Amino acid sequence: MTRNRLAVWIGPLLGLLSVSCAENDKSSVAYEPAPPPSSTATPIRSAEPGMAPARAEAQPTAALVQAEEPAARDPDEQIWAVLERVIPEISYDKTPFATVIEGLREELGVNIHVQWQLLDDAGVERDRPVTIQLREVSVERLLRLVLEEVAQSDLRLMWEVDGGVLVIASSEYFGQKMVTRIYDVRDLLRAIDDWQDRENRENRGEPADELLYALDEMVEPNMWVQNGGLSTVRVLNGFLLVRTPEYIQRQVEEFLWMLRDAGVGGSE
């Protein structure tokens, strides 16, 4: 990629994209009994207009009011709908990690599989305490915070949704499962080219190179093959071809959405 060509164009764009394209595969599991939890939860409610319905994260000591389930649909979509739900308030006070997960599985009605052996080998004990007090938080955000709470300093815990199961494991585990996706970026390439015309740039770069450099900078830089990783990306005839783990594909989708939301590729 011609990285030195992006100096003028990518500066303002990266400013607009100060929100990091964050972050982020799968079977069911039986859970061992866990000690009684010390947590409380309030009933779930729907998200604000414009947001996906929000379903509450529950603790084992307090039953949640069950939200209405949508009509039958893809199992993965059902889990994503749960993850997007908003919890008015939730509290864990030194609640064992396994108990937290078991409570989420039971109260949210979601299949959750934890790669316990992998976590045990990495030093993440099932009884590691979780202490969290939050308000107005999505289930997805809560889950991320719980995993951050129990992870070792050199271990990144993550989750993926696959086949109606939410799987919890390490980034190394998910990094071995590559997925290929194709994204239509013709509008973004035209917008970059038009911008260079308007600016009369002398050292203009190829729109595809400009887009790839921005992607490389904003989405998991160390994961791309040019930086020593295993993920690959290229532009072919106006389409972005990406081979990378699922959690990075989600970040690529968010990155492209943010570009368009910022006006790149949109009508002026």
Protein backbone atom coordinates (compact mmCIF):
# COMPACT_ATOMS: atom_id res chain seq x y z
CA MET A 1 0.00 0.00 0.00
CA THR A 2 1.25 3.49 -0.82
CA ARG A 3 1.04 4.78 2.73
CA ASN A 4 2.85 8.07 2.10
CA ARG A 5 0.04 9.18 -0.18
CA LEU A 6 -2.54 9.48 2.53
CA ALA A 7 -1.08 12.36 4.51
CA VAL A 8 -3.56 15.02 3.37
CA TRP A 9 -6.71 12.93 2.91
CA ILE A 10 -6.56 10.60 5.86
CA GLY A 11 -5.76 13.29 8.48
CA PRO A 12 -9.22 14.89 8.48
CA LEU A 13 -10.86 11.51 8.03
CA LEU A 14 -9.13 9.96 11.01
CA GLY A 15 -10.25 12.95 13.03
CA LEU A 16 -13.83 12.14 12.13
CA LEU A 17 -13.18 8.53 13.04
CA SER A 18 -11.76 9.13 16.48
CA VAL A 19 -14.16 6.53 17.73
CA SER A 20 -12.14 3.37 17.39
CA CYS A 21 -13.42 0.63 15.14
CA ALA A 22 -13.35 -1.66 18.04
CA GLU A 23 -13.75 -4.52 18.55
CA ASN A 24 -14.26 -8.81 18.57
CA ASP A 25 -16.81 -19.28 16.67
CA LYS A 26 -18.94 -22.27 18.66
CA SER A 27 -20.96 -25.04 20.26
CA SER A 28 -23.07 -25.52 23.35
CA VAL A 29 -21.81 -26.55 26.73
CA ALA A 30 -23.03 -27.90 30.03
CA TYR A 31 -22.12 -25.78 32.99
CA GLU A 32 -20.90 -26.97 36.33
CA PRO A 33 -22.87 -25.86 39.37
CA ALA A 34 -21.61 -22.57 40.74
CA PRO A 35 -21.95 -21.04 44.17
CA PRO A 36 -24.94 -18.79 44.84
CA PRO A 37 -24.46 -15.38 43.26
CA SER A 38 -24.30 -12.06 45.01
CA SER A 39 -25.82 -9.79 42.42
CA THR A 40 -28.99 -7.92 41.67
CA ALA A 41 -30.67 -6.95 38.43
CA THR A 42 -33.60 -4.88 37.33
CA PRO A 43 -36.13 -5.71 34.61
CA ILE A 44 -35.18 -5.14 31.03
CA ARG A 45 -36.64 -2.49 28.79
CA SER A 46 -36.62 -1.62 25.15
CA ALA A 47 -33.91 0.61 23.76
CA GLU A 48 -34.52 4.19 22.71
CA PRO A 49 -36.06 4.83 19.26
CA GLY A 50 -33.60 4.10 16.51
CA MET A 51 -31.81 1.46 18.53
CA ALA A 52 -32.30 -2.29 18.49
CA PRO A 53 -34.55 -3.66 21.25
CA ALA A 54 -32.56 -4.14 24.41
CA ARG A 55 -32.67 -7.17 26.65
CA ALA A 56 -31.40 -7.09 30.18
CA GLU A 57 -28.51 -8.91 31.58
CA ALA A 58 -29.56 -10.76 34.70
CA GLN A 59 -27.97 -11.98 37.86
CA PRO A 60 -28.74 -15.37 39.27
CA THR A 61 -30.32 -13.97 42.46
CA ALA A 62 -33.05 -11.92 40.79
CA ALA A 63 -35.37 -13.05 38.05
CA LEU A 64 -35.64 -10.73 35.10
CA VAL A 65 -38.87 -9.76 33.43
CA GLN A 66 -38.72 -11.64 30.16
CA ALA A 67 -38.91 -9.44 27.09
CA GLU A 68 -41.08 -10.53 24.20
CA GLU A 69 -39.15 -12.62 21.73
CA PRO A 70 -39.36 -11.67 18.08
CA ALA A 71 -40.94 -13.98 15.56
CA ALA A 72 -38.94 -17.05 14.61
CA ARG A 73 -35.77 -16.05 12.80
CA ASP A 74 -32.14 -16.97 12.37
CA PRO A 75 -30.62 -18.16 15.69
CA ASP A 76 -27.65 -15.85 15.31
CA GLU A 77 -29.94 -12.87 14.77
CA GLN A 78 -31.81 -13.74 17.94
CA ILE A 79 -28.57 -13.66 19.93
CA TRP A 80 -27.55 -10.34 18.37
CA ALA A 81 -30.94 -8.91 19.33
CA VAL A 82 -30.27 -9.97 22.91
CA LEU A 83 -26.79 -8.45 22.88
CA GLU A 84 -28.20 -5.11 21.73
CA ARG A 85 -30.73 -4.86 24.52
CA VAL A 86 -30.18 -2.30 27.27
CA ILE A 87 -30.07 -3.07 30.98
CA PRO A 88 -31.32 -0.26 33.22
CA GLU A 89 -29.11 -1.32 36.13
CA ILE A 90 -26.96 -4.29 37.10
CA SER A 91 -24.57 -5.13 39.92
CA TYR A 92 -22.12 -7.95 40.61
CA ASP A 93 -20.27 -8.02 43.92
CA LYS A 94 -17.41 -10.53 43.85
CA THR A 95 -19.62 -12.92 41.92
CA PRO A 96 -17.73 -15.95 40.55
CA PHE A 97 -17.13 -15.76 36.80
CA ALA A 98 -18.84 -19.11 36.18
CA THR A 99 -21.88 -17.93 38.12
CA VAL A 100 -22.11 -14.76 36.06
CA ILE A 101 -22.02 -16.76 32.83
CA GLU A 102 -24.55 -19.27 34.09
CA GLY A 103 -26.86 -16.43 35.11
CA LEU A 104 -26.62 -14.84 31.68
CA ARG A 105 -27.35 -18.13 29.98
CA GLU A 106 -30.40 -18.86 32.11
CA GLU A 107 -31.92 -15.39 32.34
CA LEU A 108 -31.31 -14.31 28.76
CA GLY A 109 -32.24 -17.65 27.25
CA VAL A 110 -29.06 -17.76 25.19
CA ASN A 111 -26.82 -20.73 24.43
CA ILE A 112 -23.40 -19.85 25.85
CA HIS A 113 -20.35 -22.05 25.50
CA VAL A 114 -17.15 -21.19 27.35
CA GLN A 115 -13.90 -22.81 26.31
CA TRP A 116 -13.19 -23.61 29.95
CA GLN A 117 -10.18 -25.84 29.32
CA LEU A 118 -8.53 -23.13 27.23
CA LEU A 119 -9.27 -20.54 29.90
CA ASP A 120 -8.10 -22.84 32.69
CA ASP A 121 -4.81 -23.42 30.86
CA ALA A 122 -4.42 -19.65 30.52
CA GLY A 123 -4.94 -19.17 34.26
CA VAL A 124 -8.50 -17.83 34.18
CA GLU A 125 -10.25 -19.58 37.07
CA ARG A 126 -13.97 -20.24 36.99
CA ASP A 127 -14.36 -18.74 40.45
CA ARG A 128 -12.51 -15.51 39.62
CA PRO A 129 -14.60 -12.72 41.22
CA VAL A 130 -16.48 -10.18 39.11
CA THR A 131 -17.39 -6.82 40.61
CA ILE A 132 -19.35 -4.50 38.31
CA GLN A 133 -21.99 -1.83 38.92
CA LEU A 134 -23.55 -0.31 35.81
CA ARG A 135 -26.60 1.55 34.57
CA GLU A 136 -28.05 1.89 31.09
CA VAL A 137 -25.64 -0.59 29.52
CA SER A 138 -26.15 -3.00 26.64
CA VAL A 139 -25.75 -6.72 27.18
CA GLU A 140 -22.91 -6.69 24.66
CA ARG A 141 -21.03 -4.00 26.58
CA LEU A 142 -21.62 -5.75 29.88
CA LEU A 143 -20.23 -9.00 28.49
CA ARG A 144 -17.11 -7.25 27.24
CA LEU A 145 -16.53 -5.67 30.65
CA VAL A 146 -17.00 -9.00 32.41
CA LEU A 147 -14.40 -10.63 30.15
CA GLU A 148 -12.00 -7.75 30.71
CA GLU A 149 -12.52 -8.13 34.45
CA VAL A 150 -11.45 -11.78 34.52
CA ALA A 151 -8.79 -11.80 31.77
CA GLN A 152 -5.09 -11.95 32.53
CA SER A 153 -2.96 -8.98 31.50
CA ASP A 154 -1.52 -10.90 28.54
CA LEU A 155 -4.77 -12.65 27.57
CA ARG A 156 -7.55 -11.12 25.51
CA LEU A 157 -10.90 -12.81 26.05
CA MET A 158 -13.57 -12.45 23.38
CA TRP A 159 -16.87 -13.86 22.22
CA GLU A 160 -18.36 -14.82 18.88
CA VAL A 161 -21.83 -15.81 17.70
CA ASP A 162 -22.13 -18.88 15.52
CA GLY A 163 -24.97 -21.28 14.83
CA GLY A 164 -27.13 -19.95 17.63
CA VAL A 165 -24.35 -20.21 20.22
CA LEU A 166 -22.38 -17.45 21.91
CA VAL A 167 -18.83 -18.78 22.34
CA ILE A 168 -16.35 -17.31 24.82
CA ALA A 169 -12.63 -17.94 24.30
CA SER A 170 -9.35 -16.12 23.66
CA SER A 171 -8.48 -13.95 20.66
CA GLU A 172 -5.89 -16.57 19.70
CA TYR A 173 -8.63 -19.19 19.50
CA PHE A 174 -10.84 -17.06 17.27
CA GLY A 175 -7.86 -15.81 15.27
CA GLN A 176 -7.42 -19.29 13.81
CA LYS A 177 -10.90 -19.24 12.26
CA MET A 178 -10.67 -17.20 9.07
CA VAL A 179 -13.76 -15.90 7.25
CA THR A 180 -13.85 -14.37 3.76
CA ARG A 181 -16.27 -11.56 2.95
CA ILE A 182 -16.72 -9.15 0.05
CA TYR A 183 -17.84 -5.53 0.51
CA ASP A 184 -19.06 -3.12 -2.17
CA VAL A 185 -16.90 0.02 -1.80
CA ARG A 186 -17.42 1.60 -5.22
CA ASP A 187 -19.10 4.63 -3.67
CA LEU A 188 -16.17 5.18 -1.30
CA LEU A 189 -13.61 4.89 -4.09
CA ARG A 190 -15.51 7.43 -6.21
CA ALA A 191 -15.72 9.80 -3.23
CA ILE A 192 -11.97 9.58 -2.61
CA ASP A 193 -11.23 10.18 -6.31
CA ASP A 194 -13.62 13.15 -6.47
CA TRP A 195 -12.06 14.67 -3.36
CA GLN A 196 -8.61 14.48 -4.90
CA ASP A 197 -9.93 16.19 -8.03
CA ARG A 198 -11.45 19.02 -6.00
CA GLU A 199 -8.25 19.48 -4.02
CA ASN A 200 -6.10 19.37 -7.17
CA ARG A 201 -3.70 17.08 -5.38
CA GLU A 202 -0.34 16.80 -7.10
CA ASN A 203 0.73 13.58 -5.43
CA ARG A 204 -2.63 11.88 -5.60
CA GLY A 205 -2.81 8.22 -4.79
CA GLU A 206 -5.00 5.49 -6.13
CA PRO A 207 -8.37 5.57 -4.30
CA ALA A 208 -8.04 1.86 -3.51
CA ASP A 209 -4.64 2.42 -1.88
CA GLU A 210 -6.01 5.32 0.16
CA LEU A 211 -8.89 3.18 1.43
CA LEU A 212 -6.64 0.22 2.24
CA TYR A 213 -4.22 2.40 4.15
CA ALA A 214 -7.04 3.88 6.23
CA LEU A 215 -8.35 0.37 6.96
CA ASP A 216 -4.89 -0.81 7.93
CA GLU A 217 -4.51 2.10 10.36
CA MET A 218 -7.95 1.90 11.93
CA VAL A 219 -8.79 -1.82 12.20
CA GLU A 220 -6.52 -4.21 14.16
CA PRO A 221 -3.24 -3.09 12.50
CA ASN A 222 -1.20 -6.02 13.80
CA MET A 223 -3.55 -8.60 12.29
CA TRP A 224 -2.88 -7.79 8.60
CA VAL A 225 -0.34 -9.83 6.65
CA GLN A 226 1.68 -6.75 5.66
CA ASN A 227 2.22 -6.10 9.37
CA GLY A 228 3.09 -9.66 10.30
CA GLY A 229 -0.43 -11.01 10.82
CA LEU A 230 -2.49 -13.55 8.89
CA SER A 231 -5.41 -11.45 7.63
CA THR A 232 -5.50 -10.26 4.03
CA VAL A 233 -7.39 -7.48 2.26
CA ARG A 234 -7.42 -6.14 -1.29
CA VAL A 235 -9.61 -4.13 -3.64
CA LEU A 236 -10.78 -5.73 -6.87
CA ASN A 237 -12.99 -3.90 -9.37
CA GLY A 238 -14.63 -1.75 -6.70
CA PHE A 239 -15.09 -4.51 -4.13
CA LEU A 240 -13.17 -5.01 -0.89
CA LEU A 241 -12.10 -8.62 -0.38
CA VAL A 242 -11.30 -9.41 3.26
CA ARG A 243 -10.11 -12.69 4.77
CA THR A 244 -9.89 -12.37 8.54
CA PRO A 245 -11.51 -13.71 11.74
CA GLU A 246 -15.18 -12.93 12.34
CA TYR A 247 -14.52 -10.40 15.10
CA ILE A 248 -12.35 -8.36 12.73
CA GLN A 249 -14.94 -8.62 9.96
CA ARG A 250 -17.34 -6.87 12.32
CA GLN A 251 -14.81 -4.08 12.79
CA VAL A 252 -14.36 -3.79 9.01
CA GLU A 253 -18.13 -3.42 8.61
CA GLU A 254 -18.20 -0.75 11.31
CA PHE A 255 -15.25 1.06 9.71
CA LEU A 256 -17.00 1.22 6.33
CA TRP A 257 -20.23 2.34 7.99
CA MET A 258 -18.40 5.11 9.83
CA LEU A 259 -16.84 6.35 6.59
CA ARG A 260 -20.23 6.62 4.97
CA ASP A 261 -21.78 8.15 8.07
CA ALA A 262 -19.04 10.79 8.00
CA GLY A 263 -19.99 11.70 4.44
CA VAL A 264 -17.38 9.70 2.54
CA GLY A 265 -19.22 8.10 -0.34
CA GLY A 266 -22.49 9.85 0.51
CA SER A 267 -24.21 12.52 -1.49
CA GLU A 268 -23.27 16.10 -0.69
